[in-house]
């Protein structure tokens, strides 16, 4: 992470060339807070709010498919609610990240942009494959049920787990592996139950992450 400190070296030293302890402590505190904002930009309370939004989004889809025989997939109103909630999540996440990393330049910014671009490509590939499943005649229970519910969790979560492992970021790694595991297990709930199972799982995982971050900040 490359930053430009507001105070130059001459301003932080006395006439005898020794570093002013008070100014040194202020610089250290500023650098520490900036690093915390960069690596954990979303405050715990926003994570909890995002967990509730995820539960509402998947819960809406579950309500729309409950009782379908045969299974045909989520209704239009449920998809509208889900995409609107997802748009809110993305907007909040982007806004929080911009505020947290304001003034940060250098390799860390380029790495973040590269990571976001890679995740977008992976996420698009998930739904391109979904189209292939439909083209090959796979049942609606898979194409519009199990796969779109757990596919992003397993595939995108797996990619994030690899990134976190390479950086030795244990909280991100634990979160990503929990998401991947949840996706694999929730698939057994079937095309209807999978939506509610995924919503509850994401709520628990994200809330647990928020609790860990809150404990870290208090510590």
C-alpha atoms as a PDB file:
ATOM      1  CA  UNK A   1       0.000   0.000   0.000  1.00  0.00           C
ATOM      2  CA  UNK A   2       1.479   3.317  -1.099  1.00  0.00           C
ATOM      3  CA  UNK A   3       0.269   6.457   0.626  1.00  0.00           C
ATOM      4  CA  UNK A   4       1.445  10.014   0.776  1.00  0.00           C
ATOM      5  CA  UNK A   5       1.686  11.153   4.427  1.00  0.00           C
ATOM      6  CA  UNK A   6       0.439  14.637   5.181  1.00  0.00           C
ATOM      7  CA  UNK A   7       3.455  15.418   7.345  1.00  0.00           C
ATOM      8  CA  UNK A   8       6.961  15.402   5.904  1.00  0.00           C
ATOM      9  CA  UNK A   9      10.026  14.062   7.663  1.00  0.00           C
ATOM     10  CA  UNK A  10      11.375  17.472   8.633  1.00  0.00           C
ATOM     11  CA  UNK A  11       8.139  18.305  10.405  1.00  0.00           C
ATOM     12  CA  UNK A  12       8.297  15.178  12.528  1.00  0.00           C
ATOM     13  CA  UNK A  13      11.796  15.693  13.824  1.00  0.00           C
ATOM     14  CA  UNK A  14      13.171  18.140  16.298  1.00  0.00           C
ATOM     15  CA  UNK A  15      16.235  20.323  16.029  1.00  0.00           C
ATOM     16  CA  UNK A  16      18.469  17.473  17.173  1.00  0.00           C
ATOM     17  CA  UNK A  17      17.145  15.157  14.440  1.00  0.00           C
ATOM     18  CA  UNK A  18      15.146  12.951  16.809  1.00  0.00           C
ATOM     19  CA  UNK A  19      11.621  11.915  15.899  1.00  0.00           C
ATOM     20  CA  UNK A  20       8.917  13.680  17.896  1.00  0.00           C
ATOM     21  CA  UNK A  21       7.173  10.872  19.856  1.00  0.00           C
ATOM     22  CA  UNK A  22       3.767  12.576  19.740  1.00  0.00           C
ATOM     23  CA  UNK A  23       3.891  13.102  15.988  1.00  0.00           C
ATOM     24  CA  UNK A  24       5.244   9.601  15.463  1.00  0.00           C
ATOM     25  CA  UNK A  25       2.332   8.173  17.452  1.00  0.00           C
ATOM     26  CA  UNK A  26      -0.139  10.227  15.416  1.00  0.00           C
ATOM     27  CA  UNK A  27       1.350   8.999  12.138  1.00  0.00           C
ATOM     28  CA  UNK A  28       1.296   5.400  13.367  1.00  0.00           C
ATOM     29  CA  UNK A  29      -2.345   5.709  14.454  1.00  0.00           C
ATOM     30  CA  UNK A  30      -3.322   7.205  11.115  1.00  0.00           C
ATOM     31  CA  UNK A  31      -1.513   4.472   9.180  1.00  0.00           C
ATOM     32  CA  UNK A  32      -3.090   1.748  11.325  1.00  0.00           C
ATOM     33  CA  UNK A  33      -6.608   3.076  10.823  1.00  0.00           C
ATOM     34  CA  UNK A  34      -6.031   3.463   7.095  1.00  0.00           C
ATOM     35  CA  UNK A  35      -4.814  -0.140   6.851  1.00  0.00           C
ATOM     36  CA  UNK A  36      -7.819  -1.387   8.809  1.00  0.00           C
ATOM     37  CA  UNK A  37     -10.195   0.502   6.519  1.00  0.00           C
ATOM     38  CA  UNK A  38      -8.481  -0.925   3.434  1.00  0.00           C
ATOM     39  CA  UNK A  39      -8.519  -4.569   4.486  1.00  0.00           C
ATOM     40  CA  UNK A  40     -11.862  -4.534   6.356  1.00  0.00           C
ATOM     41  CA  UNK A  41     -13.695  -1.621   4.688  1.00  0.00           C
ATOM     42  CA  UNK A  42     -17.225  -2.705   5.621  1.00  0.00           C
ATOM     43  CA  UNK A  43     -18.170  -2.035   9.257  1.00  0.00           C
ATOM     44  CA  UNK A  44     -19.826  -4.927  11.151  1.00  0.00           C
ATOM     45  CA  UNK A  45     -23.252  -3.292  11.322  1.00  0.00           C
ATOM     46  CA  UNK A  46     -23.361  -2.991   7.533  1.00  0.00           C
ATOM     47  CA  UNK A  47     -22.445  -6.656   7.215  1.00  0.00           C
ATOM     48  CA  UNK A  48     -25.384  -7.555   9.452  1.00  0.00           C
ATOM     49  CA  UNK A  49     -27.663  -5.396   7.283  1.00  0.00           C
ATOM     50  CA  UNK A  50     -26.317  -7.139   4.180  1.00  0.00           C
ATOM     51  CA  UNK A  51     -27.000 -10.516   5.814  1.00  0.00           C
ATOM     52  CA  UNK A  52     -30.645  -9.544   6.323  1.00  0.00           C
ATOM     53  CA  UNK A  53     -30.892  -8.353   2.716  1.00  0.00           C
ATOM     54  CA  UNK A  54     -29.521 -11.682   1.443  1.00  0.00           C
ATOM     55  CA  UNK A  55     -32.047 -13.548   3.589  1.00  0.00           C
ATOM     56  CA  UNK A  56     -34.888 -11.411   2.214  1.00  0.00           C
ATOM     57  CA  UNK A  57     -33.736 -11.873  -1.391  1.00  0.00           C
ATOM     58  CA  UNK A  58     -33.497 -15.657  -1.251  1.00  0.00           C
ATOM     59  CA  UNK A  59     -36.591 -15.837   0.934  1.00  0.00           C
ATOM     60  CA  UNK A  60     -38.584 -13.995  -1.735  1.00  0.00           C
ATOM     61  CA  UNK A  61     -37.515 -16.519  -4.367  1.00  0.00           C
ATOM     62  CA  UNK A  62     -38.378 -19.406  -2.039  1.00  0.00           C
ATOM     63  CA  UNK A  63     -41.879 -18.011  -1.512  1.00  0.00           C
ATOM     64  CA  UNK A  64     -42.360 -17.710  -5.276  1.00  0.00           C
ATOM     65  CA  UNK A  65     -41.423 -21.343  -6.002  1.00  0.00           C
ATOM     66  CA  UNK A  66     -42.974 -22.985  -2.948  1.00  0.00           C
ATOM     67  CA  UNK A  67     -45.619 -25.482  -3.967  1.00  0.00           C
ATOM     68  CA  UNK A  68     -44.679 -25.633  -7.657  1.00  0.00           C
ATOM     69  CA  UNK A  69     -45.470 -29.016  -9.216  1.00  0.00           C
ATOM     70  CA  UNK A  70     -43.794 -29.405 -11.605  1.00  0.00           C
ATOM     71  CA  UNK A  71     -41.025 -26.955 -10.832  1.00  0.00           C
ATOM     72  CA  UNK A  72     -40.824 -24.072 -13.318  1.00  0.00           C
ATOM     73  CA  UNK A  73     -38.556 -21.574 -11.557  1.00  0.00           C
ATOM     74  CA  UNK A  74     -38.802 -18.243  -9.712  1.00  0.00           C
ATOM     75  CA  UNK A  75     -41.596 -15.849 -10.640  1.00  0.00           C
ATOM     76  CA  UNK A  76     -40.978 -12.442 -12.173  1.00  0.00           C
ATOM     77  CA  UNK A  77     -41.896 -10.495  -9.016  1.00  0.00           C
ATOM     78  CA  UNK A  78     -39.418 -12.488  -6.924  1.00  0.00           C
ATOM     79  CA  UNK A  79     -36.618 -11.855  -9.413  1.00  0.00           C
ATOM     80  CA  UNK A  80     -37.388  -8.114  -9.463  1.00  0.00           C
ATOM     81  CA  UNK A  81     -37.171  -7.967  -5.656  1.00  0.00           C
ATOM     82  CA  UNK A  82     -33.978 -10.033  -5.634  1.00  0.00           C
ATOM     83  CA  UNK A  83     -32.179  -7.966  -8.259  1.00  0.00           C
ATOM     84  CA  UNK A  84     -33.256  -4.724  -6.569  1.00  0.00           C
ATOM     85  CA  UNK A  85     -31.848  -5.936  -3.253  1.00  0.00           C
ATOM     86  CA  UNK A  86     -28.639  -7.097  -4.932  1.00  0.00           C
ATOM     87  CA  UNK A  87     -28.289  -3.660  -6.554  1.00  0.00           C
ATOM     88  CA  UNK A  88     -28.610  -2.061  -3.117  1.00  0.00           C
ATOM     89  CA  UNK A  89     -25.922  -4.367  -1.733  1.00  0.00           C
ATOM     90  CA  UNK A  90     -23.550  -3.547  -4.583  1.00  0.00           C
ATOM     91  CA  UNK A  91     -24.128   0.198  -4.201  1.00  0.00           C
ATOM     92  CA  UNK A  92     -23.501   0.083  -0.447  1.00  0.00           C
ATOM     93  CA  UNK A  93     -20.391  -2.048  -0.887  1.00  0.00           C
ATOM     94  CA  UNK A  94     -18.916   0.212  -3.582  1.00  0.00           C
ATOM     95  CA  UNK A  95     -19.674   3.359  -1.584  1.00  0.00           C
ATOM     96  CA  UNK A  96     -18.104   1.935   1.566  1.00  0.00           C
ATOM     97  CA  UNK A  97     -14.990   0.768  -0.245  1.00  0.00           C
ATOM     98  CA  UNK A  98     -14.494   4.136  -1.947  1.00  0.00           C
ATOM     99  CA  UNK A  99     -14.710   5.998   1.344  1.00  0.00           C
ATOM    100  CA  UNK A 100     -12.432   3.531   3.100  1.00  0.00           C
ATOM    101  CA  UNK A 101      -9.713   3.638   0.440  1.00  0.00           C
ATOM    102  CA  UNK A 102      -9.843   7.347  -0.363  1.00  0.00           C
ATOM    103  CA  UNK A 103      -6.301   8.602  -0.872  1.00  0.00           C
ATOM    104  CA  UNK A 104      -4.844   5.099  -1.212  1.00  0.00           C
ATOM    105  CA  UNK A 105      -2.749   4.627  -4.343  1.00  0.00           C
ATOM    106  CA  UNK A 106      -0.244   2.195  -5.758  1.00  0.00           C
ATOM    107  CA  UNK A 107      -0.233  -1.583  -6.195  1.00  0.00           C
ATOM    108  CA  UNK A 108      -3.036  -2.243  -3.681  1.00  0.00           C
ATOM    109  CA  UNK A 109      -5.534  -0.289  -5.793  1.00  0.00           C
ATOM    110  CA  UNK A 110      -4.484  -2.048  -8.992  1.00  0.00           C
ATOM    111  CA  UNK A 111      -4.691  -5.427  -7.292  1.00  0.00           C
ATOM    112  CA  UNK A 112      -8.198  -4.675  -6.044  1.00  0.00           C
ATOM    113  CA  UNK A 113      -9.385  -3.608  -9.493  1.00  0.00           C
ATOM    114  CA  UNK A 114      -7.849  -6.686 -11.068  1.00  0.00           C
ATOM    115  CA  UNK A 115      -9.538  -8.896  -8.480  1.00  0.00           C
ATOM    116  CA  UNK A 116     -12.927  -7.263  -9.067  1.00  0.00           C
ATOM    117  CA  UNK A 117     -12.562  -7.714 -12.831  1.00  0.00           C
ATOM    118  CA  UNK A 118     -11.655 -11.385 -12.379  1.00  0.00           C
ATOM    119  CA  UNK A 119     -14.626 -12.019 -10.073  1.00  0.00           C
ATOM    120  CA  UNK A 120     -16.991 -10.360 -12.559  1.00  0.00           C
ATOM    121  CA  UNK A 121     -15.718 -12.633 -15.335  1.00  0.00           C
ATOM    122  CA  UNK A 122     -16.114 -15.720 -13.141  1.00  0.00           C
ATOM    123  CA  UNK A 123     -19.625 -14.669 -12.121  1.00  0.00           C
ATOM    124  CA  UNK A 124     -20.672 -14.131 -15.754  1.00  0.00           C
ATOM    125  CA  UNK A 125     -19.252 -17.545 -16.655  1.00  0.00           C
ATOM    126  CA  UNK A 126     -21.512 -19.123 -14.023  1.00  0.00           C
ATOM    127  CA  UNK A 127     -24.613 -17.937 -15.863  1.00  0.00           C
ATOM    128  CA  UNK A 128     -23.199 -18.642 -19.314  1.00  0.00           C
ATOM    129  CA  UNK A 129     -22.888 -22.252 -18.176  1.00  0.00           C
ATOM    130  CA  UNK A 130     -26.482 -22.062 -16.934  1.00  0.00           C
ATOM    131  CA  UNK A 131     -27.533 -21.261 -20.497  1.00  0.00           C
ATOM    132  CA  UNK A 132     -25.607 -24.290 -21.713  1.00  0.00           C
ATOM    133  CA  UNK A 133     -27.498 -26.493 -19.271  1.00  0.00           C
ATOM    134  CA  UNK A 134     -30.806 -25.258 -20.654  1.00  0.00           C
ATOM    135  CA  UNK A 135     -29.589 -25.776 -24.229  1.00  0.00           C
ATOM    136  CA  UNK A 136     -28.639 -29.367 -23.400  1.00  0.00           C
ATOM    137  CA  UNK A 137     -32.137 -30.071 -22.104  1.00  0.00           C
ATOM    138  CA  UNK A 138     -31.396 -30.349 -18.408  1.00  0.00           C
ATOM    139  CA  UNK A 139     -34.513 -30.207 -16.219  1.00  0.00           C
ATOM    140  CA  UNK A 140     -35.892 -26.919 -14.882  1.00  0.00           C
ATOM    141  CA  UNK A 141     -35.254 -28.155 -11.356  1.00  0.00           C
ATOM    142  CA  UNK A 142     -31.529 -27.901 -12.073  1.00  0.00           C
ATOM    143  CA  UNK A 143     -31.375 -25.026 -14.562  1.00  0.00           C
ATOM    144  CA  UNK A 144     -33.708 -22.669 -12.638  1.00  0.00           C
ATOM    145  CA  UNK A 145     -33.400 -24.171  -9.195  1.00  0.00           C
ATOM    146  CA  UNK A 146     -30.390 -25.910  -7.726  1.00  0.00           C
ATOM    147  CA  UNK A 147     -27.696 -24.582 -10.053  1.00  0.00           C
ATOM    148  CA  UNK A 148     -28.421 -20.808  -9.927  1.00  0.00           C
ATOM    149  CA  UNK A 149     -28.862 -21.040  -6.161  1.00  0.00           C
ATOM    150  CA  UNK A 150     -25.614 -22.824  -5.296  1.00  0.00           C
ATOM    151  CA  UNK A 151     -23.484 -22.421  -8.435  1.00  0.00           C
ATOM    152  CA  UNK A 152     -22.294 -18.865  -7.661  1.00  0.00           C
ATOM    153  CA  UNK A 153     -21.541 -19.828  -4.066  1.00  0.00           C
ATOM    154  CA  UNK A 154     -19.359 -22.784  -5.019  1.00  0.00           C
ATOM    155  CA  UNK A 155     -17.598 -21.306  -8.049  1.00  0.00           C
ATOM    156  CA  UNK A 156     -17.121 -17.675  -7.001  1.00  0.00           C
ATOM    157  CA  UNK A 157     -16.543 -18.717  -3.390  1.00  0.00           C
ATOM    158  CA  UNK A 158     -13.866 -21.143  -4.535  1.00  0.00           C
ATOM    159  CA  UNK A 159     -12.098 -18.397  -6.475  1.00  0.00           C
ATOM    160  CA  UNK A 160     -12.192 -16.101  -3.443  1.00  0.00           C
ATOM    161  CA  UNK A 161     -10.853 -18.887  -1.245  1.00  0.00           C
ATOM    162  CA  UNK A 162      -7.846 -19.243  -3.550  1.00  0.00           C
ATOM    163  CA  UNK A 163      -7.127 -15.513  -3.385  1.00  0.00           C
ATOM    164  CA  UNK A 164      -7.485 -15.457   0.404  1.00  0.00           C
ATOM    165  CA  UNK A 165      -5.201 -18.477   0.812  1.00  0.00           C
ATOM    166  CA  UNK A 166      -2.526 -16.860  -1.357  1.00  0.00           C
ATOM    167  CA  UNK A 167      -2.646 -13.725   0.817  1.00  0.00           C
ATOM    168  CA  UNK A 168      -2.882 -15.748   4.050  1.00  0.00           C
ATOM    169  CA  UNK A 169      -5.995 -13.800   4.989  1.00  0.00           C
ATOM    170  CA  UNK A 170      -7.535 -16.324   7.359  1.00  0.00           C
ATOM    171  CA  UNK A 171     -10.827 -14.522   7.946  1.00  0.00           C
ATOM    172  CA  UNK A 172     -11.519 -14.207   4.216  1.00  0.00           C
ATOM    173  CA  UNK A 173     -10.422 -17.802   3.684  1.00  0.00           C
ATOM    174  CA  UNK A 174     -12.720 -19.072   6.419  1.00  0.00           C
ATOM    175  CA  UNK A 175     -15.620 -17.033   5.045  1.00  0.00           C
ATOM    176  CA  UNK A 176     -15.067 -18.254   1.484  1.00  0.00           C
ATOM    177  CA  UNK A 177     -14.753 -21.904   2.519  1.00  0.00           C
ATOM    178  CA  UNK A 178     -17.907 -21.591   4.610  1.00  0.00           C
ATOM    179  CA  UNK A 179     -19.761 -20.222   1.569  1.00  0.00           C
ATOM    180  CA  UNK A 180     -18.482 -23.036  -0.665  1.00  0.00           C
ATOM    181  CA  UNK A 181     -19.434 -25.668   1.900  1.00  0.00           C
ATOM    182  CA  UNK A 182     -22.872 -24.133   2.350  1.00  0.00           C
ATOM    183  CA  UNK A 183     -23.458 -24.238  -1.396  1.00  0.00           C
ATOM    184  CA  UNK A 184     -22.524 -27.904  -1.622  1.00  0.00           C
ATOM    185  CA  UNK A 185     -24.725 -28.885   1.323  1.00  0.00           C
ATOM    186  CA  UNK A 186     -27.709 -26.720   0.389  1.00  0.00           C
ATOM    187  CA  UNK A 187     -27.903 -28.430  -3.019  1.00  0.00           C
ATOM    188  CA  UNK A 188     -29.418 -31.436  -1.241  1.00  0.00           C
ATOM    189  CA  UNK A 189     -32.465 -29.346  -0.269  1.00  0.00           C
ATOM    190  CA  UNK A 190     -33.852 -29.626  -3.803  1.00  0.00           C
ATOM    191  CA  UNK A 191     -34.999 -26.950  -6.278  1.00  0.00           C
ATOM    192  CA  UNK A 192     -37.478 -25.384  -3.844  1.00  0.00           C
ATOM    193  CA  UNK A 193     -35.815 -25.718  -0.452  1.00  0.00           C
ATOM    194  CA  UNK A 194     -32.397 -24.731  -1.794  1.00  0.00           C
ATOM    195  CA  UNK A 195     -33.378 -21.061  -1.961  1.00  0.00           C
ATOM    196  CA  UNK A 196     -34.362 -20.840   1.691  1.00  0.00           C
ATOM    197  CA  UNK A 197     -31.365 -22.958   2.728  1.00  0.00           C
ATOM    198  CA  UNK A 198     -28.955 -20.663   0.885  1.00  0.00           C
ATOM    199  CA  UNK A 199     -30.577 -17.538   2.329  1.00  0.00           C
ATOM    200  CA  UNK A 200     -30.281 -18.827   5.886  1.00  0.00           C
ATOM    201  CA  UNK A 201     -26.718 -20.031   5.319  1.00  0.00           C
ATOM    202  CA  UNK A 202     -25.557 -16.686   3.945  1.00  0.00           C
ATOM    203  CA  UNK A 203     -27.255 -14.876   6.808  1.00  0.00           C
ATOM    204  CA  UNK A 204     -25.411 -17.022   9.367  1.00  0.00           C
ATOM    205  CA  UNK A 205     -22.031 -16.797   7.600  1.00  0.00           C
ATOM    206  CA  UNK A 206     -22.093 -13.032   7.039  1.00  0.00           C
ATOM    207  CA  UNK A 207     -23.375 -12.386  10.568  1.00  0.00           C
ATOM    208  CA  UNK A 208     -20.570 -14.543  11.970  1.00  0.00           C
ATOM    209  CA  UNK A 209     -18.019 -12.555   9.966  1.00  0.00           C
ATOM    210  CA  UNK A 210     -19.495  -9.335  11.337  1.00  0.00           C
ATOM    211  CA  UNK A 211     -19.160 -10.686  14.875  1.00  0.00           C
ATOM    212  CA  UNK A 212     -15.495 -11.563  14.313  1.00  0.00           C
ATOM    213  CA  UNK A 213     -14.747  -8.110  12.885  1.00  0.00           C
ATOM    214  CA  UNK A 214     -16.520  -6.424  15.783  1.00  0.00           C
ATOM    215  CA  UNK A 215     -14.503  -8.489  18.268  1.00  0.00           C
ATOM    216  CA  UNK A 216     -11.258  -7.611  16.465  1.00  0.00           C
ATOM    217  CA  UNK A 217     -11.989  -3.897  16.537  1.00  0.00           C
ATOM    218  CA  UNK A 218     -12.829  -3.968  20.226  1.00  0.00           C
ATOM    219  CA  UNK A 219      -9.653  -5.917  20.925  1.00  0.00           C
END
